[in-house]
C-alpha atoms as a PDB file:
ATOM      1  CA  MET A   1       0.120  -0.155  -0.148  1.00  0.00           C
ATOM      2  CA  THR A   2       1.065   3.791  -0.978  1.00  0.00           C
ATOM      3  CA  ALA A   3       0.770   6.462   1.058  1.00  0.00           C
ATOM      4  CA  THR A   4      -1.074   9.412  -0.228  1.00  0.00           C
ATOM      5  CA  GLY A   5       0.232  12.430   0.856  1.00  0.00           C
ATOM      6  CA  PRO A   6      -1.402  16.295  -0.366  1.00  0.00           C
ATOM      7  CA  ASP A   7      -0.901  15.953  -3.671  1.00  0.00           C
ATOM      8  CA  GLY A   8      -1.874  12.366  -4.642  1.00  0.00           C
ATOM      9  CA  PRO A   9      -0.295   8.760  -3.928  1.00  0.00           C
ATOM     10  CA  ALA A  10       3.430   8.667  -2.853  1.00  0.00           C
ATOM     11  CA  ALA A  11       3.914  12.417  -3.796  1.00  0.00           C
ATOM     12  CA  SER A  12       6.846  12.651  -1.391  1.00  0.00           C
ATOM     13  CA  GLY A  13       8.583   9.942  -3.416  1.00  0.00           C
ATOM     14  CA  ARG A  14       8.114   7.689  -0.447  1.00  0.00           C
ATOM     15  CA  HIS A  15       6.440   3.951  -0.348  1.00  0.00           C
ATOM     16  CA  GLU A  16       5.145   4.382   3.037  1.00  0.00           C
ATOM     17  CA  THR A  17       1.348   3.522   5.047  1.00  0.00           C
ATOM     18  CA  PRO A  18      -0.472   6.071   6.466  1.00  0.00           C
ATOM     19  CA  GLN A  19       0.556   5.065   9.700  1.00  0.00           C
ATOM     20  CA  GLU A  20       4.184   4.665   8.446  1.00  0.00           C
ATOM     21  CA  ARG A  21       3.833   8.220   7.323  1.00  0.00           C
ATOM     22  CA  ALA A  22       2.320   9.302  10.634  1.00  0.00           C
ATOM     23  CA  ASP A  23       4.974   7.744  12.692  1.00  0.00           C
ATOM     24  CA  ARG A  24       7.675   9.413  10.528  1.00  0.00           C
ATOM     25  CA  LEU A  25       5.811  12.594  10.815  1.00  0.00           C
ATOM     26  CA  TRP A  26       5.389  12.355  14.598  1.00  0.00           C
ATOM     27  CA  ASN A  27       9.555  11.615  15.343  1.00  0.00           C
ATOM     28  CA  GLU A  28      10.319  14.591  12.755  1.00  0.00           C
ATOM     29  CA  MET A  29       8.105  16.938  15.043  1.00  0.00           C
ATOM     30  CA  LEU A  30       9.428  15.679  18.041  1.00  0.00           C
ATOM     31  CA  GLN A  31      13.017  15.965  17.020  1.00  0.00           C
ATOM     32  CA  GLU A  32      12.137  20.026  15.982  1.00  0.00           C
ATOM     33  CA  VAL A  33      10.370  20.795  19.296  1.00  0.00           C
ATOM     34  CA  ARG A  34      13.272  19.576  21.234  1.00  0.00           C
ATOM     35  CA  VAL A  35      15.053  22.023  20.034  1.00  0.00           C
ATOM     36  CA  ALA A  36      12.481  25.202  20.405  1.00  0.00           C
ATOM     37  CA  GLN A  37      11.239  23.742  23.827  1.00  0.00           C
ATOM     38  CA  THR A  38      14.702  23.769  25.457  1.00  0.00           C
ATOM     39  CA  GLY A  39      15.104  26.921  24.298  1.00  0.00           C
ATOM     40  CA  ALA A  40      11.952  28.144  25.549  1.00  0.00           C
ATOM     41  CA  GLN A  41      12.266  27.005  29.161  1.00  0.00           C
ATOM     42  CA  ILE A  42      15.692  28.117  29.618  1.00  0.00           C
ATOM     43  CA  LEU A  43      14.939  31.800  28.761  1.00  0.00           C
ATOM     44  CA  PHE A  44      11.387  31.079  30.701  1.00  0.00           C
ATOM     45  CA  GLY A  45      13.799  30.215  33.741  1.00  0.00           C
ATOM     46  CA  PHE A  46      16.178  33.202  33.452  1.00  0.00           C
ATOM     47  CA  LEU A  47      12.558  35.468  33.261  1.00  0.00           C
ATOM     48  CA  ILE A  48      11.451  34.164  36.357  1.00  0.00           C
ATOM     49  CA  SER A  49      14.722  35.232  38.319  1.00  0.00           C
ATOM     50  CA  VAL A  50      14.799  38.698  37.469  1.00  0.00           C
ATOM     51  CA  ALA A  51      12.317  39.576  39.570  1.00  0.00           C
ATOM     52  CA  PHE A  52      14.678  38.372  42.246  1.00  0.00           C
ATOM     53  CA  THR A  53      17.476  40.944  41.374  1.00  0.00           C
ATOM     54  CA  PRO A  54      17.957  44.070  42.911  1.00  0.00           C
ATOM     55  CA  LEU A  55      18.017  46.088  40.405  1.00  0.00           C
ATOM     56  CA  PHE A  56      14.391  45.111  39.870  1.00  0.00           C
ATOM     57  CA  ALA A  57      12.421  47.252  42.506  1.00  0.00           C
ATOM     58  CA  HIS A  58      13.686  50.223  41.033  1.00  0.00           C
ATOM     59  CA  LEU A  59      12.702  49.712  37.161  1.00  0.00           C
ATOM     60  CA  PRO A  60      10.391  52.079  35.756  1.00  0.00           C
ATOM     61  CA  ASP A  61       6.519  50.958  35.913  1.00  0.00           C
ATOM     62  CA  PHE A  62       6.622  50.748  32.440  1.00  0.00           C
ATOM     63  CA  ASP A  63       9.853  47.952  32.285  1.00  0.00           C
ATOM     64  CA  LYS A  64       8.209  46.384  35.045  1.00  0.00           C
ATOM     65  CA  HIS A  65       5.090  45.961  33.012  1.00  0.00           C
ATOM     66  CA  LEU A  66       6.927  44.881  30.362  1.00  0.00           C
ATOM     67  CA  TYR A  67       8.616  42.163  32.320  1.00  0.00           C
ATOM     68  CA  VAL A  68       5.294  40.667  33.174  1.00  0.00           C
ATOM     69  CA  ALA A  69       4.386  40.293  29.375  1.00  0.00           C
ATOM     70  CA  THR A  70       7.517  39.009  28.868  1.00  0.00           C
ATOM     71  CA  VAL A  71       6.866  36.330  31.570  1.00  0.00           C
ATOM     72  CA  LEU A  72       3.305  35.781  30.682  1.00  0.00           C
ATOM     73  CA  LEU A  73       4.507  35.008  26.876  1.00  0.00           C
ATOM     74  CA  GLY A  74       7.133  32.611  27.988  1.00  0.00           C
ATOM     75  CA  ALA A  75       4.669  30.631  29.954  1.00  0.00           C
ATOM     76  CA  PHE A  76       2.612  30.635  26.929  1.00  0.00           C
ATOM     77  CA  ALA A  77       5.488  29.562  24.811  1.00  0.00           C
ATOM     78  CA  THR A  78       6.869  26.918  27.121  1.00  0.00           C
ATOM     79  CA  GLY A  79       3.297  25.357  27.430  1.00  0.00           C
ATOM     80  CA  ALA A  80       2.680  25.684  24.027  1.00  0.00           C
ATOM     81  CA  LEU A  81       5.538  23.744  22.974  1.00  0.00           C
ATOM     82  CA  VAL A  82       5.350  21.271  25.702  1.00  0.00           C
ATOM     83  CA  ALA A  83       1.426  20.457  25.189  1.00  0.00           C
ATOM     84  CA  PRO A  84       2.217  18.265  21.721  1.00  0.00           C
ATOM     85  CA  VAL A  85       4.061  15.802  24.221  1.00  0.00           C
ATOM     86  CA  CYS A  86       1.117  15.793  26.816  1.00  0.00           C
ATOM     87  CA  PHE A  87      -1.521  15.397  24.099  1.00  0.00           C
ATOM     88  CA  HIS A  88       0.367  12.379  22.875  1.00  0.00           C
ATOM     89  CA  ARG A  89       0.813  10.879  26.319  1.00  0.00           C
ATOM     90  CA  PHE A  90      -2.933  11.141  26.581  1.00  0.00           C
ATOM     91  CA  LEU A  91      -3.662   9.802  22.962  1.00  0.00           C
ATOM     92  CA  ALA A  92      -0.973   6.959  22.660  1.00  0.00           C
ATOM     93  CA  GLY A  93      -2.757   3.524  21.878  1.00  0.00           C
ATOM     94  CA  HIS A  94      -5.737   4.964  20.241  1.00  0.00           C
ATOM     95  CA  GLY A  95      -4.820   5.679  16.475  1.00  0.00           C
ATOM     96  CA  MET A  96      -5.176   9.186  16.494  1.00  0.00           C
ATOM     97  CA  LYS A  97      -1.983   9.797  14.913  1.00  0.00           C
ATOM     98  CA  PRO A  98      -2.843  12.040  12.414  1.00  0.00           C
ATOM     99  CA  GLU A  99      -5.100  14.005  14.633  1.00  0.00           C
ATOM    100  CA  LEU A 100      -1.960  14.047  16.641  1.00  0.00           C
ATOM    101  CA  ILE A 101       0.202  15.634  14.305  1.00  0.00           C
ATOM    102  CA  ARG A 102      -2.488  18.062  13.056  1.00  0.00           C
ATOM    103  CA  VAL A 103      -2.946  19.169  16.692  1.00  0.00           C
ATOM    104  CA  ALA A 104       0.853  19.307  17.667  1.00  0.00           C
ATOM    105  CA  GLY A 105       1.702  21.493  14.108  1.00  0.00           C
ATOM    106  CA  ARG A 106      -0.916  23.973  15.425  1.00  0.00           C
ATOM    107  CA  LEU A 107       0.764  23.917  19.067  1.00  0.00           C
ATOM    108  CA  ILE A 108       3.864  24.262  17.580  1.00  0.00           C
ATOM    109  CA  ALA A 109       3.157  26.930  15.362  1.00  0.00           C
ATOM    110  CA  THR A 110       1.738  28.987  18.427  1.00  0.00           C
ATOM    111  CA  GLY A 111       4.712  28.082  20.784  1.00  0.00           C
ATOM    112  CA  LEU A 112       7.077  29.155  18.060  1.00  0.00           C
ATOM    113  CA  VAL A 113       5.487  32.714  17.559  1.00  0.00           C
ATOM    114  CA  THR A 114       4.715  33.244  21.243  1.00  0.00           C
ATOM    115  CA  LEU A 115       9.019  32.020  21.432  1.00  0.00           C
ATOM    116  CA  ALA A 116       9.513  34.717  19.024  1.00  0.00           C
ATOM    117  CA  LEU A 117       7.771  37.721  20.802  1.00  0.00           C
ATOM    118  CA  THR A 118       8.853  36.521  24.692  1.00  0.00           C
ATOM    119  CA  ILE A 119      12.501  37.071  22.552  1.00  0.00           C
ATOM    120  CA  SER A 120      11.656  40.336  21.472  1.00  0.00           C
ATOM    121  CA  ALA A 121       9.831  41.416  24.582  1.00  0.00           C
ATOM    122  CA  ALA A 122      12.886  40.214  26.450  1.00  0.00           C
ATOM    123  CA  LEU A 123      15.344  42.169  24.192  1.00  0.00           C
ATOM    124  CA  LEU A 124      13.252  44.995  24.534  1.00  0.00           C
ATOM    125  CA  LEU A 125      13.742  45.056  28.431  1.00  0.00           C
ATOM    126  CA  LEU A 126      17.362  44.549  27.932  1.00  0.00           C
ATOM    127  CA  LEU A 127      18.316  46.813  25.949  1.00  0.00           C
ATOM    128  CA  ARG A 128      16.246  49.541  27.801  1.00  0.00           C
ATOM    129  CA  THR A 129      17.776  48.679  30.657  1.00  0.00           C
ATOM    130  CA  ALA A 130      21.120  48.274  29.098  1.00  0.00           C
ATOM    131  CA  THR A 131      21.392  51.267  26.553  1.00  0.00           C
ATOM    132  CA  GLY A 132      19.232  53.747  28.193  1.00  0.00           C
ATOM    133  CA  ASN A 133      18.269  54.590  24.719  1.00  0.00           C
ATOM    134  CA  PRO A 134      14.472  53.848  24.667  1.00  0.00           C
ATOM    135  CA  THR A 135      14.233  54.615  20.862  1.00  0.00           C
ATOM    136  CA  LEU A 136      17.082  52.573  20.478  1.00  0.00           C
ATOM    137  CA  ALA A 137      15.956  49.724  21.992  1.00  0.00           C
ATOM    138  CA  TRP A 138      12.634  49.555  20.294  1.00  0.00           C
ATOM    139  CA  ILE A 139      14.186  49.771  17.170  1.00  0.00           C
ATOM    140  CA  LEU A 140      16.443  46.824  17.644  1.00  0.00           C
ATOM    141  CA  SER A 141      13.856  44.729  19.018  1.00  0.00           C
ATOM    142  CA  GLY A 142      11.984  45.481  16.164  1.00  0.00           C
ATOM    143  CA  VAL A 143      14.923  44.531  13.825  1.00  0.00           C
ATOM    144  CA  VAL A 144      14.713  41.478  15.336  1.00  0.00           C
ATOM    145  CA  LEU A 145      11.532  40.355  15.497  1.00  0.00           C
ATOM    146  CA  ALA A 146      11.251  41.229  11.945  1.00  0.00           C
ATOM    147  CA  TRP A 147      14.053  39.002  11.585  1.00  0.00           C
ATOM    148  CA  PHE A 148      12.119  36.225  13.296  1.00  0.00           C
ATOM    149  CA  THR A 149       9.405  36.647  10.943  1.00  0.00           C
ATOM    150  CA  ALA A 150      11.307  36.678   7.859  1.00  0.00           C
ATOM    151  CA  THR A 151      13.351  33.742   8.504  1.00  0.00           C
ATOM    152  CA  TRP A 152      10.321  31.656  10.237  1.00  0.00           C
ATOM    153  CA  LEU A 153       7.777  32.216   8.624  1.00  0.00           C
ATOM    154  CA  VAL A 154       7.868  34.351   5.392  1.00  0.00           C
ATOM    155  CA  LEU A 155      11.159  32.227   4.220  1.00  0.00           C
ATOM    156  CA  PRO A 156       9.251  28.908   4.291  1.00  0.00           C
ATOM    157  CA  GLN A 157       6.313  30.367   2.412  1.00  0.00           C
ATOM    158  CA  ILE A 158       8.736  31.758  -0.252  1.00  0.00           C
ATOM    159  CA  VAL A 159      10.299  28.020  -0.624  1.00  0.00           C
ATOM    160  CA  LEU A 160       7.032  26.450  -0.384  1.00  0.00           C
ATOM    161  CA  HIS A 161       5.455  28.725  -3.394  1.00  0.00           C
ATOM    162  CA  ARG A 162       8.594  27.989  -5.671  1.00  0.00           C
ATOM    163  CA  ASN A 163       8.678  24.483  -5.139  1.00  0.00           C
ATOM    164  CA  ALA A 164       4.707  24.483  -6.042  1.00  0.00           C
ATOM    165  CA  ALA A 165       5.611  26.923  -9.298  1.00  0.00           C
ATOM    166  CA  ARG A 166       8.154  24.779 -10.295  1.00  0.00           C
ATOM    167  CA  ARG A 167       5.979  21.538  -9.896  1.00  0.00           C
ATOM    168  CA  ARG A 168       3.830  23.518 -12.768  1.00  0.00           C
END
């Protein structure tokens, strides 16, 4: 039996059953999410510790609010990136791997977006404090967020569209 991909039977050039394809996709997703999960968890841990430093009490109100927003974003990013593992644990053995892959893909995408926002907000807070120049901090943080947007979202779409155009 050959797998049916989005573009027809064995469109990927692989000869695998739907279950084999689901297993392969799940294993690939796990490898991808491990990198992001670890980064998000480490960043979140560092963010939590900031409130316990002596400098935190002297931050302006805006920076304290930015910190709270950044920690919340970090919590959402970490939760979204860990969620596929929890989801799998509850669904394992129920023959629902294709559904798991769809939901996990959305959770990972959500986690990556919130991770990019967390990094950008943390950078904004750091640069506001380190440079003493709020305008420069906003510009540099915006550039980093634009970089994430370009490399994580726009570039993959460009490659996908070019590939689709080439196949026509």
